[in-house]
Amino acid sequence: MFFHRILIVRLSSMGDVILTTPIVHAVKKKFPGALIDIITSTQYAEIYKFSPYINEILDYDKSLSHKANQENLKRHMSMIRIKKYDLIIDLQNNYRSHALLKGLGTKTVRYKKNNLAKFLLIHFKIRMGKVTHVVDKYFQTIKQFGIENAGFGLELWLHRDFNKGVYTPYDKNYFHKIIITIAPGAHFKTKRWPADNFVALIKKLISSYSCEIILIGGEDDVPLCKYIQSKLSLRIQNLSGSRSILETVDAIENSNVLITNDTGIMHIASARKLPVIALFGSTTTDFGFTPYRTSNIIVEAITPCRPCTHIGRDECPKKHFDCMYDISVSQVFDAFRKIMKLPV
């Protein structure tokens, strides 16, 4: 079996797109002569900008209709003189990807979502079987082609990696000062540890270790990061507001550890082999979206109402928000000392 033209589809979100990178590497290893295209939402295309395994990055524009996006894809196919892709790997598997890909592949395989398991876990706290990381679930989609998980981990290639021809995430062992990157934001409120807790944590970190602190986040996180910064007389770097994923990578590269909520940034850090401390609130590790193949510690509270969602909520449905309020500053501080192998 051989495929000449392969299309991989993952439209959103940032974390999900990064989690597809081991699939791309494994497909290329199995079919080294194949040309592999990927289609993803415009704002996540940077993730594959320097990947050596991808032939073309195709943008899915959410502002356009499904029909318009399909027409754009068809124009690309016409330019490369193919009527259909030999193989389409649909890791999105929703109405958007179905509408986009209809009739464009000789063979299409789709990621199987276990929505029943999610429903039972969220609404009845019933756990079905062992927890499987989403990357391993993605590999189940393509196992019929003899494509195996070779343990590459997540990858987010930078220009310097591409120039070297080898993936070499930055070595953190040579820093003489502890540099900590903190990502206090999240799209949904129930995935955010309280801002004042971050303030207290930063004070404790700096007073204990004279470390350097870097705040990061997107445009929506600017007010939150400014608030945290305003509560500290200590000098910290505030690099929030970035529109570029690769700019965020540069900030992470210069640190020893990332402290973050359950967001896509923890997957960026995983791709660059940075140790991660991840705070889980309304979501849980049962959904398989934990830091992948990098040193990590999950900090979470044991509350009976978790999880109340698999993506996050705007408000706590119980009105108490215990899942985040019950995570203490001391817990996160202890996790930092443990992951950094610092004496108690």
Protein backbone atom coordinates (compact mmCIF):
# COMPACT_ATOMS: atom_id res chain seq x y z
CA MET A 1 0.00 0.00 0.00
CA PHE A 2 1.31 3.42 -0.94
CA PHE A 3 -0.22 6.89 -0.97
CA HIS A 4 1.11 9.68 -3.20
CA ARG A 5 -0.97 12.61 -1.89
CA ILE A 6 -2.21 12.74 1.70
CA LEU A 7 -4.31 15.43 3.38
CA ILE A 8 -4.43 15.75 7.17
CA VAL A 9 -7.25 17.81 8.67
CA ARG A 10 -7.36 19.48 12.09
CA LEU A 11 -9.11 22.84 12.06
CA SER A 12 -9.07 23.85 15.75
CA SER A 13 -8.05 24.54 18.50
CA MET A 14 -4.40 25.56 18.99
CA GLY A 15 -3.72 22.73 21.42
CA ASP A 16 -5.50 20.19 19.23
CA VAL A 17 -3.49 21.24 16.18
CA ILE A 18 -0.18 20.84 18.06
CA LEU A 19 -1.35 17.42 19.22
CA THR A 20 -1.54 16.28 15.57
CA THR A 21 2.21 16.76 15.03
CA PRO A 22 3.24 13.21 16.02
CA ILE A 23 0.74 11.91 13.45
CA VAL A 24 2.29 13.99 10.68
CA HIS A 25 5.80 12.77 11.56
CA ALA A 26 4.68 9.15 11.71
CA VAL A 27 2.79 9.33 8.39
CA LYS A 28 5.85 10.82 6.69
CA LYS A 29 8.08 8.11 8.17
CA LYS A 30 5.74 5.38 6.90
CA PHE A 31 5.31 6.95 3.45
CA PRO A 32 8.52 8.98 2.88
CA GLY A 33 7.75 9.52 -0.80
CA ALA A 34 4.26 10.89 -0.22
CA LEU A 35 3.42 14.59 -0.37
CA ILE A 36 1.51 15.58 2.75
CA ASP A 37 -0.72 18.64 2.95
CA ILE A 38 -2.42 19.88 6.09
CA ILE A 39 -5.46 22.09 6.40
CA THR A 40 -6.02 24.03 9.60
CA SER A 41 -7.54 27.31 10.74
CA THR A 42 -5.61 30.36 9.62
CA GLN A 43 -4.53 31.40 13.14
CA TYR A 44 -2.86 28.02 13.75
CA ALA A 45 -0.98 27.68 10.45
CA GLU A 46 2.23 28.91 12.15
CA ILE A 47 2.46 25.61 13.99
CA TYR A 48 3.50 23.92 10.74
CA LYS A 49 5.39 26.84 9.17
CA PHE A 50 8.81 25.16 9.50
CA SER A 51 7.77 21.51 9.62
CA PRO A 52 9.91 19.44 7.22
CA TYR A 53 7.17 16.85 6.83
CA ILE A 54 4.53 19.10 5.27
CA ASN A 55 4.34 19.93 1.57
CA GLU A 56 1.59 22.60 1.72
CA ILE A 57 -0.22 24.34 4.59
CA LEU A 58 -3.78 25.17 3.58
CA ASP A 59 -5.81 27.75 5.49
CA TYR A 60 -9.34 27.14 6.66
CA ASP A 61 -10.91 30.59 6.99
CA LYS A 62 -13.65 30.52 9.64
CA SER A 63 -15.08 33.78 8.28
CA LEU A 64 -15.97 31.99 5.05
CA SER A 65 -18.72 29.44 4.40
CA HIS A 66 -18.03 25.71 4.15
CA LYS A 67 -18.66 25.97 0.41
CA ALA A 68 -16.14 28.79 -0.02
CA ASN A 69 -13.49 26.89 1.94
CA GLN A 70 -14.16 23.78 -0.13
CA GLU A 71 -13.79 25.79 -3.34
CA ASN A 72 -10.43 27.08 -2.11
CA LEU A 73 -9.34 23.51 -1.41
CA LYS A 74 -10.50 22.40 -4.85
CA ARG A 75 -8.50 25.21 -6.46
CA HIS A 76 -5.42 23.98 -4.65
CA MET A 77 -6.07 20.44 -5.86
CA SER A 78 -6.46 21.72 -9.41
CA MET A 79 -3.12 23.53 -9.16
CA ILE A 80 -1.36 20.35 -8.08
CA ARG A 81 -3.25 18.40 -10.75
CA ILE A 82 -5.12 15.89 -8.65
CA LYS A 83 -8.83 15.14 -8.65
CA LYS A 84 -8.80 13.49 -5.23
CA TYR A 85 -6.37 12.89 -2.40
CA ASP A 86 -5.27 9.25 -2.11
CA LEU A 87 -5.86 9.47 1.63
CA ILE A 88 -7.57 12.01 3.87
CA ILE A 89 -7.01 11.76 7.61
CA ASP A 90 -9.81 13.73 9.26
CA LEU A 91 -8.81 14.37 12.87
CA GLN A 92 -11.54 17.00 13.28
CA ASN A 93 -14.53 14.79 12.42
CA ASN A 94 -17.39 17.25 12.76
CA TYR A 95 -19.92 18.86 10.46
CA ARG A 96 -17.34 21.42 9.27
CA SER A 97 -14.78 18.85 8.19
CA HIS A 98 -17.45 16.62 6.64
CA ALA A 99 -18.78 19.52 4.53
CA LEU A 100 -15.26 20.58 3.57
CA LEU A 101 -14.02 17.14 2.50
CA LYS A 102 -17.07 15.69 0.81
CA GLY A 103 -15.99 13.84 -2.32
CA LEU A 104 -12.37 15.04 -2.21
CA GLY A 105 -10.66 11.81 -1.14
CA THR A 106 -10.32 8.33 -2.61
CA LYS A 107 -10.11 7.06 0.96
CA THR A 108 -11.02 9.00 4.12
CA VAL A 109 -10.50 7.89 7.71
CA ARG A 110 -11.87 9.81 10.67
CA TYR A 111 -10.92 10.17 14.31
CA LYS A 112 -13.52 8.41 16.43
CA LYS A 113 -14.83 10.66 19.17
CA ASN A 114 -16.32 8.91 22.17
CA ASN A 115 -19.05 11.45 22.92
CA LEU A 116 -20.97 8.96 25.06
CA ALA A 117 -18.00 8.58 27.43
CA LYS A 118 -17.73 12.38 27.72
CA PHE A 119 -21.46 12.68 28.42
CA LEU A 120 -21.41 10.01 31.14
CA LEU A 121 -18.33 11.53 32.77
CA ILE A 122 -19.59 15.12 32.77
CA HIS A 123 -23.18 14.47 33.80
CA PHE A 124 -22.96 11.29 35.90
CA LYS A 125 -19.23 11.09 36.84
CA ILE A 126 -19.08 7.62 35.32
CA ARG A 127 -15.62 6.75 34.02
CA MET A 128 -15.47 4.23 31.20
CA GLY A 129 -12.17 2.35 30.99
CA LYS A 130 -8.65 3.67 31.31
CA VAL A 131 -7.59 7.18 30.32
CA THR A 132 -6.04 7.33 26.84
CA HIS A 133 -4.16 10.40 25.70
CA VAL A 134 -5.72 12.07 22.67
CA VAL A 135 -2.49 11.60 20.68
CA ASP A 136 -2.80 7.84 21.15
CA LYS A 137 -6.44 8.08 20.09
CA TYR A 138 -5.33 9.86 16.92
CA PHE A 139 -2.97 6.97 16.19
CA GLN A 140 -5.87 4.53 16.44
CA THR A 141 -7.35 6.33 13.42
CA ILE A 142 -4.45 5.30 11.19
CA LYS A 143 -3.33 1.98 12.67
CA GLN A 144 -4.93 0.12 9.74
CA PHE A 145 -2.10 1.46 7.54
CA GLY A 146 0.63 0.11 9.82
CA ILE A 147 1.47 3.57 11.13
CA GLU A 148 2.70 3.33 14.70
CA ASN A 149 3.51 5.82 17.43
CA ALA A 150 7.30 5.87 17.39
CA GLY A 151 7.51 8.12 20.43
CA PHE A 152 8.41 11.36 18.66
CA GLY A 153 6.31 13.47 21.00
CA LEU A 154 4.85 16.82 20.01
CA GLU A 155 6.85 19.01 17.64
CA LEU A 156 6.78 22.71 16.90
CA TRP A 157 9.68 23.35 14.55
CA LEU A 158 11.39 26.73 14.58
CA HIS A 159 13.46 28.28 11.80
CA ARG A 160 16.71 27.28 13.51
CA ASP A 161 15.53 23.65 13.77
CA PHE A 162 14.65 23.64 10.08
CA ASN A 163 18.04 25.09 9.12
CA LYS A 164 19.84 22.42 11.15
CA GLY A 165 17.64 19.69 9.71
CA VAL A 166 17.09 18.25 13.16
CA TYR A 167 14.54 18.93 15.88
CA THR A 168 16.51 20.24 18.86
CA PRO A 169 14.39 21.98 21.48
CA TYR A 170 16.38 24.35 23.62
CA ASP A 171 18.47 22.80 26.42
CA LYS A 172 17.36 24.33 29.74
CA ASN A 173 20.29 22.92 31.72
CA TYR A 174 22.60 25.84 31.10
CA PHE A 175 20.60 28.63 32.75
CA HIS A 176 22.35 30.16 35.75
CA LYS A 177 19.16 31.81 36.99
CA ILE A 178 15.71 30.29 37.36
CA ILE A 179 13.35 31.77 34.78
CA ILE A 180 9.67 30.92 35.14
CA THR A 181 7.04 31.55 32.48
CA ILE A 182 3.47 31.87 33.73
CA ALA A 183 0.37 31.72 31.52
CA PRO A 184 -2.48 32.88 33.82
CA GLY A 185 -5.18 33.11 31.17
CA ALA A 186 -7.60 30.74 29.48
CA HIS A 187 -10.45 31.21 27.06
CA PHE A 188 -13.02 29.99 29.58
CA LYS A 189 -13.31 31.41 33.08
CA THR A 190 -13.65 28.02 34.78
CA LYS A 191 -10.18 27.08 33.53
CA ARG A 192 -8.52 30.11 35.17
CA TRP A 193 -6.87 29.92 38.58
CA PRO A 194 -7.74 33.19 40.42
CA ALA A 195 -5.50 36.11 39.51
CA ASP A 196 -4.74 36.95 43.15
CA ASN A 197 -3.43 33.41 43.62
CA PHE A 198 -0.96 34.00 40.80
CA VAL A 199 0.08 37.23 42.52
CA ALA A 200 0.70 35.39 45.80
CA LEU A 201 2.56 32.59 44.02
CA ILE A 202 4.86 35.00 42.18
CA LYS A 203 5.71 36.80 45.44
CA LYS A 204 6.56 33.48 47.07
CA LEU A 205 8.66 32.32 44.13
CA ILE A 206 10.70 35.50 43.92
CA SER A 207 11.23 35.80 47.67
CA SER A 208 12.35 32.18 47.87
CA TYR A 209 14.55 31.90 44.77
CA SER A 210 15.16 35.41 43.35
CA CYS A 211 13.87 34.04 40.07
CA GLU A 212 12.79 35.90 36.97
CA ILE A 213 9.10 35.84 36.01
CA ILE A 214 7.65 36.17 32.51
CA LEU A 215 3.89 36.55 31.95
CA ILE A 216 2.54 35.38 28.59
CA GLY A 217 -0.83 35.20 26.88
CA GLY A 218 -2.82 36.31 23.88
CA GLU A 219 -4.63 39.57 23.27
CA ASP A 220 -7.55 38.55 25.51
CA ASP A 221 -5.13 37.95 28.39
CA VAL A 222 -3.66 41.46 28.44
CA PRO A 223 -6.02 42.88 31.14
CA LEU A 224 -5.42 39.87 33.39
CA CYS A 225 -1.64 40.07 33.03
CA LYS A 226 -1.68 43.84 33.61
CA TYR A 227 -3.71 43.28 36.79
CA ILE A 228 -1.20 40.73 38.09
CA GLN A 229 1.67 43.04 37.21
CA SER A 230 -0.01 46.00 38.96
CA LYS A 231 -0.24 44.04 42.22
CA LEU A 232 3.49 43.41 42.31
CA SER A 233 6.12 45.94 43.25
CA LEU A 234 8.63 43.44 41.93
CA ARG A 235 9.79 43.77 38.36
CA ILE A 236 8.38 41.09 36.06
CA GLN A 237 8.18 40.84 32.29
CA ASN A 238 4.72 41.05 30.76
CA LEU A 239 4.79 39.63 27.24
CA SER A 240 1.03 39.13 26.91
CA GLY A 241 -0.81 40.36 23.83
CA SER A 242 1.12 38.34 21.28
CA ARG A 243 -0.71 37.44 18.08
CA SER A 244 2.03 35.04 17.04
CA ILE A 245 2.41 31.46 18.22
CA LEU A 246 6.09 31.53 17.32
CA GLU A 247 6.60 34.67 19.44
CA THR A 248 5.08 32.79 22.35
CA VAL A 249 7.52 29.94 21.71
CA ASP A 250 10.41 32.40 21.93
CA ALA A 251 9.20 33.51 25.38
CA ILE A 252 8.86 29.91 26.56
CA GLU A 253 12.29 28.98 25.19
CA ASN A 254 13.97 31.36 27.60
CA SER A 255 12.57 29.73 30.73
CA ASN A 256 13.08 26.64 32.86
CA VAL A 257 9.45 25.80 33.52
CA LEU A 258 5.94 26.82 32.50
CA ILE A 259 3.12 27.27 35.03
CA THR A 260 -0.18 27.35 33.19
CA ASN A 261 -3.87 26.61 33.29
CA ASP A 262 -5.27 23.83 31.09
CA THR A 263 -4.74 25.64 27.78
CA GLY A 264 -3.03 25.23 24.42
CA ILE A 265 0.11 26.89 25.77
CA MET A 266 0.91 23.79 27.83
CA HIS A 267 1.02 21.82 24.56
CA ILE A 268 3.38 24.40 23.03
CA ALA A 269 5.66 23.89 26.03
CA SER A 270 5.38 20.11 25.66
CA ALA A 271 6.45 20.40 22.03
CA ARG A 272 9.57 22.32 23.10
CA LYS A 273 10.28 19.77 25.89
CA LEU A 274 9.80 22.32 28.64
CA PRO A 275 8.69 21.06 32.09
CA VAL A 276 5.06 21.98 32.73
CA ILE A 277 2.99 22.59 35.86
CA ALA A 278 -0.64 22.53 34.73
CA LEU A 279 -3.61 23.64 36.84
CA PHE A 280 -6.84 21.81 36.06
CA GLY A 281 -10.17 23.21 37.27
CA SER A 282 -13.48 22.40 35.60
CA THR A 283 -11.79 19.93 33.26
CA THR A 284 -9.88 16.79 34.26
CA THR A 285 -7.13 14.61 32.89
CA ASP A 286 -9.74 11.96 32.00
CA PHE A 287 -10.26 13.59 28.62
CA GLY A 288 -6.66 12.85 27.60
CA PHE A 289 -5.43 16.41 27.06
CA THR A 290 -2.43 16.41 29.40
CA PRO A 291 1.15 17.56 28.65
CA TYR A 292 2.58 14.91 26.32
CA ARG A 293 6.02 13.34 26.65
CA THR A 294 7.53 16.11 28.73
CA SER A 295 8.14 16.38 32.47
CA ASN A 296 4.92 17.61 34.06
CA ILE A 297 2.91 17.86 37.25
CA ILE A 298 -0.86 18.25 37.27
CA VAL A 299 -2.25 20.28 40.17
CA GLU A 300 -5.95 19.85 40.83
CA ALA A 301 -8.53 19.85 43.60
CA ILE A 302 -10.62 16.80 44.43
CA THR A 303 -14.19 18.08 44.16
CA PRO A 304 -17.21 15.86 43.45
CA CYS A 305 -18.58 18.09 40.67
CA ARG A 306 -15.50 17.77 38.45
CA PRO A 307 -15.53 17.61 35.52
CA CYS A 308 -18.46 19.84 34.63
CA THR A 309 -17.24 20.27 31.04
CA HIS A 310 -14.61 19.00 28.64
CA ILE A 311 -13.70 22.42 27.18
CA GLY A 312 -14.52 24.96 29.90
CA ARG A 313 -17.40 27.20 30.95
CA ASP A 314 -17.97 30.93 31.34
CA GLU A 315 -19.27 30.45 34.90
CA CYS A 316 -19.25 27.76 37.55
CA PRO A 317 -22.63 25.97 37.31
CA LYS A 318 -22.58 25.39 41.08
CA LYS A 319 -21.63 29.06 41.79
CA HIS A 320 -18.82 28.10 44.21
CA PHE A 321 -15.86 27.51 41.85
CA ASP A 322 -14.26 25.13 44.37
CA CYS A 323 -12.32 23.34 41.63
CA MET A 324 -10.01 26.35 41.35
CA TYR A 325 -10.40 28.03 44.74
CA ASP A 326 -9.36 24.77 46.45
CA ILE A 327 -5.99 24.74 44.66
CA SER A 328 -3.71 26.49 47.13
CA VAL A 329 -0.66 28.62 46.43
CA SER A 330 1.36 26.17 48.53
CA GLN A 331 0.33 23.26 46.30
CA VAL A 332 1.58 25.01 43.18
CA PHE A 333 4.75 26.20 44.93
CA ASP A 334 5.49 22.64 46.09
CA ALA A 335 4.91 21.37 42.55
CA PHE A 336 7.45 23.92 41.30
CA ARG A 337 10.09 22.76 43.79
CA LYS A 338 9.43 19.14 42.90
CA ILE A 339 9.66 19.56 39.13
CA MET A 340 12.81 21.69 39.49
CA LYS A 341 14.29 19.18 41.97
CA LEU A 342 14.86 21.94 44.52
CA PRO A 343 15.35 21.12 48.23
CA VAL A 344 12.31 21.55 50.46
